[in-house]
Amino acid sequence: MRQDEGQGAGATLANFGAATSWADVAAQSHEAKRSILNFFATALGSAYDPAITAALRTLSPFSGAATSAIVGRPERLDALGAAFVNAISANLP
């Protein structure tokens, strides 16, 4: 699909989403499972990486109610902080 010059990126994405059927989504279920497994495996493997420890040390004083888990660690942060640390952890080599 090519983005028309008069159409913004948001409209292009919306058109793509509107044209997608459940059959298109179901065809990708195996890849989705692999992606989720990869996310958690990588997050667990890097849970005690120095970058994660530093991120937790930096974010903890600013966290709201500690309601959300950090994958592979006992610490908890607010939802935004936990999502950020989990994203870092899942994307480390």
PDB file of N, CA and C in Angstrom:
ATOM      1  N   MET A   1       0.844  -1.172   0.000  1.00  0.00           N
ATOM      2  CA  MET A   1       0.000   0.000   0.000  1.00  0.00           C
ATOM      3  C   MET A   1       0.891   1.238   0.000  1.00  0.00           C
ATOM      4  N   ARG A   2       0.620   2.180  -0.867  1.00  0.00           N
ATOM      5  CA  ARG A   2       1.395   3.412  -0.982  1.00  0.00           C
ATOM      6  C   ARG A   2       0.618   4.553  -0.360  1.00  0.00           C
ATOM      7  N   GLN A   3       1.314   5.357   0.426  1.00  0.00           N
ATOM      8  CA  GLN A   3       0.662   6.504   1.042  1.00  0.00           C
ATOM      9  C   GLN A   3       0.441   7.588   0.003  1.00  0.00           C
ATOM     10  N   ASP A   4      -0.808   7.996  -0.156  1.00  0.00           N
ATOM     11  CA  ASP A   4      -1.109   9.080  -1.086  1.00  0.00           C
ATOM     12  C   ASP A   4      -0.539  10.391  -0.550  1.00  0.00           C
ATOM     13  N   GLU A   5      -0.184  11.279  -1.454  1.00  0.00           N
ATOM     14  CA  GLU A   5       0.411  12.552  -1.042  1.00  0.00           C
ATOM     15  C   GLU A   5      -0.542  13.380  -0.187  1.00  0.00           C
ATOM     16  N   GLY A   6      -1.818  13.305  -0.446  1.00  0.00           N
ATOM     17  CA  GLY A   6      -2.794  14.092   0.299  1.00  0.00           C
ATOM     18  C   GLY A   6      -3.281  13.421   1.566  1.00  0.00           C
ATOM     19  N   GLN A   7      -2.816  12.222   1.835  1.00  0.00           N
ATOM     20  CA  GLN A   7      -3.300  11.447   2.981  1.00  0.00           C
ATOM     21  C   GLN A   7      -2.168  11.326   3.999  1.00  0.00           C
ATOM     22  N   GLY A   8      -2.471  11.578   5.277  1.00  0.00           N
ATOM     23  CA  GLY A   8      -1.458  11.494   6.316  1.00  0.00           C
ATOM     24  C   GLY A   8      -1.186  10.055   6.720  1.00  0.00           C
ATOM     25  N   ALA A   9      -0.133   9.877   7.513  1.00  0.00           N
ATOM     26  CA  ALA A   9       0.254   8.543   7.972  1.00  0.00           C
ATOM     27  C   ALA A   9      -0.841   7.921   8.845  1.00  0.00           C
ATOM     28  N   GLY A  10      -1.493   8.736   9.660  1.00  0.00           N
ATOM     29  CA  GLY A  10      -2.565   8.225  10.514  1.00  0.00           C
ATOM     30  C   GLY A  10      -3.727   7.675   9.704  1.00  0.00           C
ATOM     31  N   ALA A  11      -4.105   8.395   8.650  1.00  0.00           N
ATOM     32  CA  ALA A  11      -5.197   7.934   7.793  1.00  0.00           C
ATOM     33  C   ALA A  11      -4.801   6.665   7.050  1.00  0.00           C
ATOM     34  N   THR A  12      -3.546   6.577   6.622  1.00  0.00           N
ATOM     35  CA  THR A  12      -3.062   5.370   5.942  1.00  0.00           C
ATOM     36  C   THR A  12      -3.134   4.171   6.871  1.00  0.00           C
ATOM     37  N   LEU A  13      -2.687   4.356   8.116  1.00  0.00           N
ATOM     38  CA  LEU A  13      -2.746   3.277   9.104  1.00  0.00           C
ATOM     39  C   LEU A  13      -4.193   2.892   9.405  1.00  0.00           C
ATOM     40  N   ALA A  14      -5.063   3.877   9.545  1.00  0.00           N
ATOM     41  CA  ALA A  14      -6.475   3.596   9.804  1.00  0.00           C
ATOM     42  C   ALA A  14      -7.108   2.813   8.654  1.00  0.00           C
ATOM     43  N   ASN A  15      -6.800   3.171   7.425  1.00  0.00           N
ATOM     44  CA  ASN A  15      -7.320   2.431   6.267  1.00  0.00           C
ATOM     45  C   ASN A  15      -6.831   0.996   6.257  1.00  0.00           C
ATOM     46  N   PHE A  16      -5.547   0.813   6.591  1.00  0.00           N
ATOM     47  CA  PHE A  16      -4.992  -0.540   6.661  1.00  0.00           C
ATOM     48  C   PHE A  16      -5.719  -1.363   7.723  1.00  0.00           C
ATOM     49  N   GLY A  17      -5.922  -0.787   8.896  1.00  0.00           N
ATOM     50  CA  GLY A  17      -6.623  -1.488   9.971  1.00  0.00           C
ATOM     51  C   GLY A  17      -8.059  -1.814   9.609  1.00  0.00           C
ATOM     52  N   ALA A  18      -8.723  -0.876   8.974  1.00  0.00           N
ATOM     53  CA  ALA A  18     -10.119  -1.097   8.583  1.00  0.00           C
ATOM     54  C   ALA A  18     -10.246  -2.182   7.514  1.00  0.00           C
ATOM     55  N   ALA A  19      -9.230  -2.338   6.676  1.00  0.00           N
ATOM     56  CA  ALA A  19      -9.272  -3.330   5.606  1.00  0.00           C
ATOM     57  C   ALA A  19      -8.814  -4.715   6.065  1.00  0.00           C
ATOM     58  N   THR A  20      -8.303  -4.823   7.280  1.00  0.00           N
ATOM     59  CA  THR A  20      -7.807  -6.102   7.789  1.00  0.00           C
ATOM     60  C   THR A  20      -8.969  -6.940   8.306  1.00  0.00           C
ATOM     61  N   SER A  21      -8.972  -8.208   7.951  1.00  0.00           N
ATOM     62  CA  SER A  21     -10.034  -9.111   8.412  1.00  0.00           C
ATOM     63  C   SER A  21      -9.478 -10.056   9.479  1.00  0.00           C
ATOM     64  N   TRP A  22     -10.380 -10.736  10.208  1.00  0.00           N
ATOM     65  CA  TRP A  22      -9.944 -11.696  11.224  1.00  0.00           C
ATOM     66  C   TRP A  22      -9.169 -12.844  10.600  1.00  0.00           C
ATOM     67  N   ALA A  23      -9.446 -13.183   9.371  1.00  0.00           N
ATOM     68  CA  ALA A  23      -8.692 -14.246   8.689  1.00  0.00           C
ATOM     69  C   ALA A  23      -7.229 -13.839   8.536  1.00  0.00           C
ATOM     70  N   ASP A  24      -6.991 -12.555   8.277  1.00  0.00           N
ATOM     71  CA  ASP A  24      -5.608 -12.060   8.187  1.00  0.00           C
ATOM     72  C   ASP A  24      -4.900 -12.182   9.529  1.00  0.00           C
ATOM     73  N   VAL A  25      -5.616 -11.894  10.597  1.00  0.00           N
ATOM     74  CA  VAL A  25      -5.044 -11.963  11.939  1.00  0.00           C
ATOM     75  C   VAL A  25      -4.788 -13.414  12.326  1.00  0.00           C
ATOM     76  N   ALA A  26      -5.739 -14.294  12.078  1.00  0.00           N
ATOM     77  CA  ALA A  26      -5.603 -15.704  12.443  1.00  0.00           C
ATOM     78  C   ALA A  26      -4.430 -16.359  11.724  1.00  0.00           C
ATOM     79  N   ALA A  27      -4.143 -15.909  10.538  1.00  0.00           N
ATOM     80  CA  ALA A  27      -3.028 -16.479   9.776  1.00  0.00           C
ATOM     81  C   ALA A  27      -1.691 -16.170  10.435  1.00  0.00           C
ATOM     82  N   GLN A  28      -1.648 -15.182  11.288  1.00  0.00           N
ATOM     83  CA  GLN A  28      -0.404 -14.772  11.947  1.00  0.00           C
ATOM     84  C   GLN A  28      -0.299 -15.275  13.386  1.00  0.00           C
ATOM     85  N   SER A  29      -1.186 -16.163  13.838  1.00  0.00           N
ATOM     86  CA  SER A  29      -1.200 -16.566  15.240  1.00  0.00           C
ATOM     87  C   SER A  29       0.087 -17.268  15.667  1.00  0.00           C
ATOM     88  N   HIS A  30       0.677 -18.073  14.810  1.00  0.00           N
ATOM     89  CA  HIS A  30       1.920 -18.754  15.169  1.00  0.00           C
ATOM     90  C   HIS A  30       3.042 -17.741  15.397  1.00  0.00           C
ATOM     91  N   GLU A  31       3.143 -16.759  14.522  1.00  0.00           N
ATOM     92  CA  GLU A  31       4.168 -15.729  14.681  1.00  0.00           C
ATOM     93  C   GLU A  31       3.915 -14.894  15.928  1.00  0.00           C
ATOM     94  N   ALA A  32       2.660 -14.659  16.259  1.00  0.00           N
ATOM     95  CA  ALA A  32       2.339 -13.907  17.473  1.00  0.00           C
ATOM     96  C   ALA A  32       2.790 -14.669  18.715  1.00  0.00           C
ATOM     97  N   LYS A  33       2.558 -15.978  18.728  1.00  0.00           N
ATOM     98  CA  LYS A  33       2.999 -16.799  19.864  1.00  0.00           C
ATOM     99  C   LYS A  33       4.517 -16.771  19.984  1.00  0.00           C
ATOM    100  N   ARG A  34       5.205 -16.865  18.868  1.00  0.00           N
ATOM    101  CA  ARG A  34       6.671 -16.809  18.885  1.00  0.00           C
ATOM    102  C   ARG A  34       7.160 -15.460  19.395  1.00  0.00           C
ATOM    103  N   SER A  35       6.492 -14.398  19.012  1.00  0.00           N
ATOM    104  CA  SER A  35       6.887 -13.067  19.438  1.00  0.00           C
ATOM    105  C   SER A  35       6.721 -12.890  20.943  1.00  0.00           C
ATOM    106  N   ILE A  36       5.613 -13.374  21.489  1.00  0.00           N
ATOM    107  CA  ILE A  36       5.374 -13.283  22.938  1.00  0.00           C
ATOM    108  C   ILE A  36       6.403 -14.115  23.696  1.00  0.00           C
ATOM    109  N   LEU A  37       6.682 -15.317  23.221  1.00  0.00           N
ATOM    110  CA  LEU A  37       7.692 -16.157  23.854  1.00  0.00           C
ATOM    111  C   LEU A  37       9.053 -15.473  23.809  1.00  0.00           C
ATOM    112  N   ASN A  38       9.407 -14.882  22.690  1.00  0.00           N
ATOM    113  CA  ASN A  38      10.677 -14.173  22.557  1.00  0.00           C
ATOM    114  C   ASN A  38      10.757 -13.001  23.533  1.00  0.00           C
ATOM    115  N   PHE A  39       9.668 -12.255  23.687  1.00  0.00           N
ATOM    116  CA  PHE A  39       9.642 -11.120  24.608  1.00  0.00           C
ATOM    117  C   PHE A  39       9.966 -11.578  26.028  1.00  0.00           C
ATOM    118  N   PHE A  40       9.252 -12.605  26.510  1.00  0.00           N
ATOM    119  CA  PHE A  40       9.470 -13.048  27.889  1.00  0.00           C
ATOM    120  C   PHE A  40      10.815 -13.733  28.071  1.00  0.00           C
ATOM    121  N   ALA A  41      11.268 -14.498  27.100  1.00  0.00           N
ATOM    122  CA  ALA A  41      12.573 -15.156  27.212  1.00  0.00           C
ATOM    123  C   ALA A  41      13.696 -14.130  27.275  1.00  0.00           C
ATOM    124  N   THR A  42      13.621 -13.109  26.454  1.00  0.00           N
ATOM    125  CA  THR A  42      14.642 -12.072  26.465  1.00  0.00           C
ATOM    126  C   THR A  42      14.576 -11.256  27.753  1.00  0.00           C
ATOM    127  N   ALA A  43      13.369 -10.940  28.204  1.00  0.00           N
ATOM    128  CA  ALA A  43      13.216 -10.183  29.450  1.00  0.00           C
ATOM    129  C   ALA A  43      13.748 -10.974  30.639  1.00  0.00           C
ATOM    130  N   LEU A  44      13.469 -12.264  30.690  1.00  0.00           N
ATOM    131  CA  LEU A  44      13.996 -13.094  31.779  1.00  0.00           C
ATOM    132  C   LEU A  44      15.508 -13.198  31.720  1.00  0.00           C
ATOM    133  N   GLY A  45      16.041 -13.357  30.539  1.00  0.00           N
ATOM    134  CA  GLY A  45      17.478 -13.492  30.374  1.00  0.00           C
ATOM    135  C   GLY A  45      18.258 -12.248  30.746  1.00  0.00           C
ATOM    136  N   SER A  46      17.636 -11.094  30.618  1.00  0.00           N
ATOM    137  CA  SER A  46      18.344  -9.849  30.917  1.00  0.00           C
ATOM    138  C   SER A  46      17.800  -9.161  32.165  1.00  0.00           C
ATOM    139  N   ALA A  47      17.046  -9.888  32.979  1.00  0.00           N
ATOM    140  CA  ALA A  47      16.416  -9.297  34.165  1.00  0.00           C
ATOM    141  C   ALA A  47      17.417  -8.673  35.127  1.00  0.00           C
ATOM    142  N   TYR A  48      18.601  -9.242  35.227  1.00  0.00           N
ATOM    143  CA  TYR A  48      19.614  -8.714  36.146  1.00  0.00           C
ATOM    144  C   TYR A  48      20.776  -8.038  35.423  1.00  0.00           C
ATOM    145  N   ASP A  49      20.534  -7.616  34.203  1.00  0.00           N
ATOM    146  CA  ASP A  49      21.526  -6.846  33.459  1.00  0.00           C
ATOM    147  C   ASP A  49      21.734  -5.507  34.178  1.00  0.00           C
ATOM    148  N   PRO A  50      22.957  -4.975  34.160  1.00  0.00           N
ATOM    149  CA  PRO A  50      23.203  -3.682  34.821  1.00  0.00           C
ATOM    150  C   PRO A  50      22.297  -2.549  34.324  1.00  0.00           C
ATOM    151  N   ALA A  51      21.894  -2.583  33.076  1.00  0.00           N
ATOM    152  CA  ALA A  51      21.002  -1.541  32.557  1.00  0.00           C
ATOM    153  C   ALA A  51      19.638  -1.590  33.245  1.00  0.00           C
ATOM    154  N   ILE A  52      19.147  -2.787  33.539  1.00  0.00           N
ATOM    155  CA  ILE A  52      17.853  -2.938  34.212  1.00  0.00           C
ATOM    156  C   ILE A  52      17.972  -2.502  35.657  1.00  0.00           C
ATOM    157  N   THR A  53      19.056  -2.900  36.307  1.00  0.00           N
ATOM    158  CA  THR A  53      19.283  -2.485  37.687  1.00  0.00           C
ATOM    159  C   THR A  53      19.350  -0.967  37.787  1.00  0.00           C
ATOM    160  N   ALA A  54      20.050  -0.333  36.846  1.00  0.00           N
ATOM    161  CA  ALA A  54      20.150   1.132  36.834  1.00  0.00           C
ATOM    162  C   ALA A  54      18.791   1.778  36.572  1.00  0.00           C
ATOM    163  N   ALA A  55      18.031   1.218  35.654  1.00  0.00           N
ATOM    164  CA  ALA A  55      16.699   1.771  35.360  1.00  0.00           C
ATOM    165  C   ALA A  55      15.788   1.668  36.582  1.00  0.00           C
ATOM    166  N   LEU A  56      15.822   0.538  37.266  1.00  0.00           N
ATOM    167  CA  LEU A  56      15.006   0.384  38.474  1.00  0.00           C
ATOM    168  C   LEU A  56      15.452   1.357  39.566  1.00  0.00           C
ATOM    169  N   ARG A  57      16.742   1.492  39.744  1.00  0.00           N
ATOM    170  CA  ARG A  57      17.272   2.414  40.757  1.00  0.00           C
ATOM    171  C   ARG A  57      16.867   3.859  40.433  1.00  0.00           C
ATOM    172  N   THR A  58      16.827   4.183  39.162  1.00  0.00           N
ATOM    173  CA  THR A  58      16.472   5.539  38.741  1.00  0.00           C
ATOM    174  C   THR A  58      14.973   5.800  38.853  1.00  0.00           C
ATOM    175  N   LEU A  59      14.154   4.836  38.458  1.00  0.00           N
ATOM    176  CA  LEU A  59      12.701   5.046  38.410  1.00  0.00           C
ATOM    177  C   LEU A  59      11.990   4.835  39.740  1.00  0.00           C
ATOM    178  N   SER A  60      12.539   4.005  40.604  1.00  0.00           N
ATOM    179  CA  SER A  60      11.851   3.657  41.855  1.00  0.00           C
ATOM    180  C   SER A  60      11.421   4.861  42.688  1.00  0.00           C
ATOM    181  N   PRO A  61      12.265   5.870  42.875  1.00  0.00           N
ATOM    182  CA  PRO A  61      11.829   7.009  43.691  1.00  0.00           C
ATOM    183  C   PRO A  61      10.654   7.793  43.094  1.00  0.00           C
ATOM    184  N   PHE A  62      10.457   7.672  41.798  1.00  0.00           N
ATOM    185  CA  PHE A  62       9.401   8.430  41.129  1.00  0.00           C
ATOM    186  C   PHE A  62       8.147   7.605  40.848  1.00  0.00           C
ATOM    187  N   SER A  63       8.167   6.329  41.229  1.00  0.00           N
ATOM    188  CA  SER A  63       7.053   5.427  40.938  1.00  0.00           C
ATOM    189  C   SER A  63       5.853   5.736  41.823  1.00  0.00           C
ATOM    190  N   GLY A  64       4.685   5.571  41.255  1.00  0.00           N
ATOM    191  CA  GLY A  64       3.460   5.666  42.038  1.00  0.00           C
ATOM    192  C   GLY A  64       3.252   4.356  42.792  1.00  0.00           C
ATOM    193  N   ALA A  65       2.019   3.965  42.987  1.00  0.00           N
ATOM    194  CA  ALA A  65       1.710   2.709  43.678  1.00  0.00           C
ATOM    195  C   ALA A  65       2.346   1.544  42.928  1.00  0.00           C
ATOM    196  N   ALA A  66       3.097   0.739  43.659  1.00  0.00           N
ATOM    197  CA  ALA A  66       3.834  -0.384  43.056  1.00  0.00           C
ATOM    198  C   ALA A  66       2.888  -1.544  42.772  1.00  0.00           C
ATOM    199  N   THR A  67       2.187  -1.466  41.670  1.00  0.00           N
ATOM    200  CA  THR A  67       1.164  -2.454  41.340  1.00  0.00           C
ATOM    201  C   THR A  67       1.555  -3.415  40.224  1.00  0.00           C
ATOM    202  N   SER A  68       2.652  -3.142  39.536  1.00  0.00           N
ATOM    203  CA  SER A  68       2.966  -3.908  38.324  1.00  0.00           C
ATOM    204  C   SER A  68       4.328  -4.583  38.421  1.00  0.00           C
ATOM    205  N   ALA A  69       4.390  -5.804  37.880  1.00  0.00           N
ATOM    206  CA  ALA A  69       5.581  -6.640  37.989  1.00  0.00           C
ATOM    207  C   ALA A  69       6.633  -6.281  36.950  1.00  0.00           C
ATOM    208  N   ILE A  70       7.874  -6.515  37.340  1.00  0.00           N
ATOM    209  CA  ILE A  70       9.011  -6.443  36.429  1.00  0.00           C
ATOM    210  C   ILE A  70       9.356  -7.891  36.110  1.00  0.00           C
ATOM    211  N   VAL A  71       9.378  -8.260  34.856  1.00  0.00           N
ATOM    212  CA  VAL A  71       9.618  -9.647  34.458  1.00  0.00           C
ATOM    213  C   VAL A  71      10.958 -10.127  35.010  1.00  0.00           C
ATOM    214  N   GLY A  72      10.912 -11.214  35.787  1.00  0.00           N
ATOM    215  CA  GLY A  72      12.120 -11.841  36.309  1.00  0.00           C
ATOM    216  C   GLY A  72      12.703 -11.202  37.549  1.00  0.00           C
ATOM    217  N   ARG A  73      12.042 -10.210  38.121  1.00  0.00           N
ATOM    218  CA  ARG A  73      12.559  -9.512  39.297  1.00  0.00           C
ATOM    219  C   ARG A  73      11.480  -9.412  40.362  1.00  0.00           C
ATOM    220  N   PRO A  74      11.876  -9.312  41.629  1.00  0.00           N
ATOM    221  CA  PRO A  74      10.870  -9.185  42.690  1.00  0.00           C
ATOM    222  C   PRO A  74      10.325  -7.765  42.839  1.00  0.00           C
ATOM    223  N   GLU A  75      11.037  -6.773  42.322  1.00  0.00           N
ATOM    224  CA  GLU A  75      10.596  -5.392  42.460  1.00  0.00           C
ATOM    225  C   GLU A  75       9.312  -5.146  41.672  1.00  0.00           C
ATOM    226  N   ARG A  76       8.560  -4.149  42.132  1.00  0.00           N
ATOM    227  CA  ARG A  76       7.353  -3.728  41.440  1.00  0.00           C
ATOM    228  C   ARG A  76       7.393  -2.212  41.290  1.00  0.00           C
ATOM    229  N   LEU A  77       6.783  -1.733  40.233  1.00  0.00           N
ATOM    230  CA  LEU A  77       6.672  -0.296  39.988  1.00  0.00           C
ATOM    231  C   LEU A  77       5.232   0.017  39.608  1.00  0.00           C
ATOM    232  N   ASP A  78       4.954   1.298  39.380  1.00  0.00           N
ATOM    233  CA  ASP A  78       3.651   1.639  38.816  1.00  0.00           C
ATOM    234  C   ASP A  78       3.602   1.116  37.377  1.00  0.00           C
ATOM    235  N   ALA A  79       2.441   1.130  36.781  1.00  0.00           N
ATOM    236  CA  ALA A  79       2.264   0.510  35.458  1.00  0.00           C
ATOM    237  C   ALA A  79       3.183   1.111  34.400  1.00  0.00           C
ATOM    238  N   LEU A  80       3.323   2.429  34.376  1.00  0.00           N
ATOM    239  CA  LEU A  80       4.153   3.073  33.370  1.00  0.00           C
ATOM    240  C   LEU A  80       5.627   2.703  33.538  1.00  0.00           C
ATOM    241  N   GLY A  81       6.111   2.747  34.767  1.00  0.00           N
ATOM    242  CA  GLY A  81       7.506   2.395  35.026  1.00  0.00           C
ATOM    243  C   GLY A  81       7.803   0.939  34.712  1.00  0.00           C
ATOM    244  N   ALA A  82       6.878   0.046  35.112  1.00  0.00           N
ATOM    245  CA  ALA A  82       7.074  -1.380  34.847  1.00  0.00           C
ATOM    246  C   ALA A  82       7.062  -1.667  33.348  1.00  0.00           C
ATOM    247  N   ALA A  83       6.174  -1.030  32.617  1.00  0.00           N
ATOM    248  CA  ALA A  83       6.137  -1.230  31.164  1.00  0.00           C
ATOM    249  C   ALA A  83       7.441  -0.763  30.529  1.00  0.00           C
ATOM    250  N   PHE A  84       7.965   0.361  31.010  1.00  0.00           N
ATOM    251  CA  PHE A  84       9.217   0.892  30.475  1.00  0.00           C
ATOM    252  C   PHE A  84      10.386  -0.051  30.762  1.00  0.00           C
ATOM    253  N   VAL A  85      10.503  -0.512  32.003  1.00  0.00           N
ATOM    254  CA  VAL A  85      11.603  -1.408  32.363  1.00  0.00           C
ATOM    255  C   VAL A  85      11.461  -2.746  31.641  1.00  0.00           C
ATOM    256  N   ASN A  86      10.248  -3.270  31.533  1.00  0.00           N
ATOM    257  CA  ASN A  86      10.043  -4.526  30.807  1.00  0.00           C
ATOM    258  C   ASN A  86      10.394  -4.376  29.330  1.00  0.00           C
ATOM    259  N   ALA A  87      10.097  -3.226  28.749  1.00  0.00           N
ATOM    260  CA  ALA A  87      10.453  -2.985  27.343  1.00  0.00           C
ATOM    261  C   ALA A  87      11.963  -2.928  27.174  1.00  0.00           C
ATOM    262  N   ILE A  88      12.657  -2.282  28.099  1.00  0.00           N
ATOM    263  CA  ILE A  88      14.113  -2.258  28.036  1.00  0.00           C
ATOM    264  C   ILE A  88      14.649  -3.679  28.124  1.00  0.00           C
ATOM    265  N   SER A  89      14.170  -4.418  29.116  1.00  0.00           N
ATOM    266  CA  SER A  89      14.654  -5.774  29.368  1.00  0.00           C
ATOM    267  C   SER A  89      14.417  -6.699  28.172  1.00  0.00           C
ATOM    268  N   ALA A  90      13.283  -6.566  27.531  1.00  0.00           N
ATOM    269  CA  ALA A  90      12.945  -7.434  26.400  1.00  0.00           C
ATOM    270  C   ALA A  90      13.713  -7.072  25.135  1.00  0.00           C
ATOM    271  N   ASN A  91      14.354  -5.913  25.129  1.00  0.00           N
ATOM    272  CA  ASN A  91      15.076  -5.490  23.928  1.00  0.00           C
ATOM    273  C   ASN A  91      16.574  -5.433  24.094  1.00  0.00           C
ATOM    274  N   LEU A  92      17.091  -5.940  25.210  1.00  0.00           N
ATOM    275  CA  LEU A  92      18.539  -6.023  25.375  1.00  0.00           C
ATOM    276  C   LEU A  92      19.069  -7.246  24.637  1.00  0.00           C
ATOM    277  N   PRO A  93      20.289  -7.175  24.143  1.00  0.00           N
ATOM    278  CA  PRO A  93      20.849  -8.339  23.427  1.00  0.00           C
ATOM    279  C   PRO A  93      21.204  -9.472  24.367  1.00  0.00           C
TER     280      PRO A  93
END
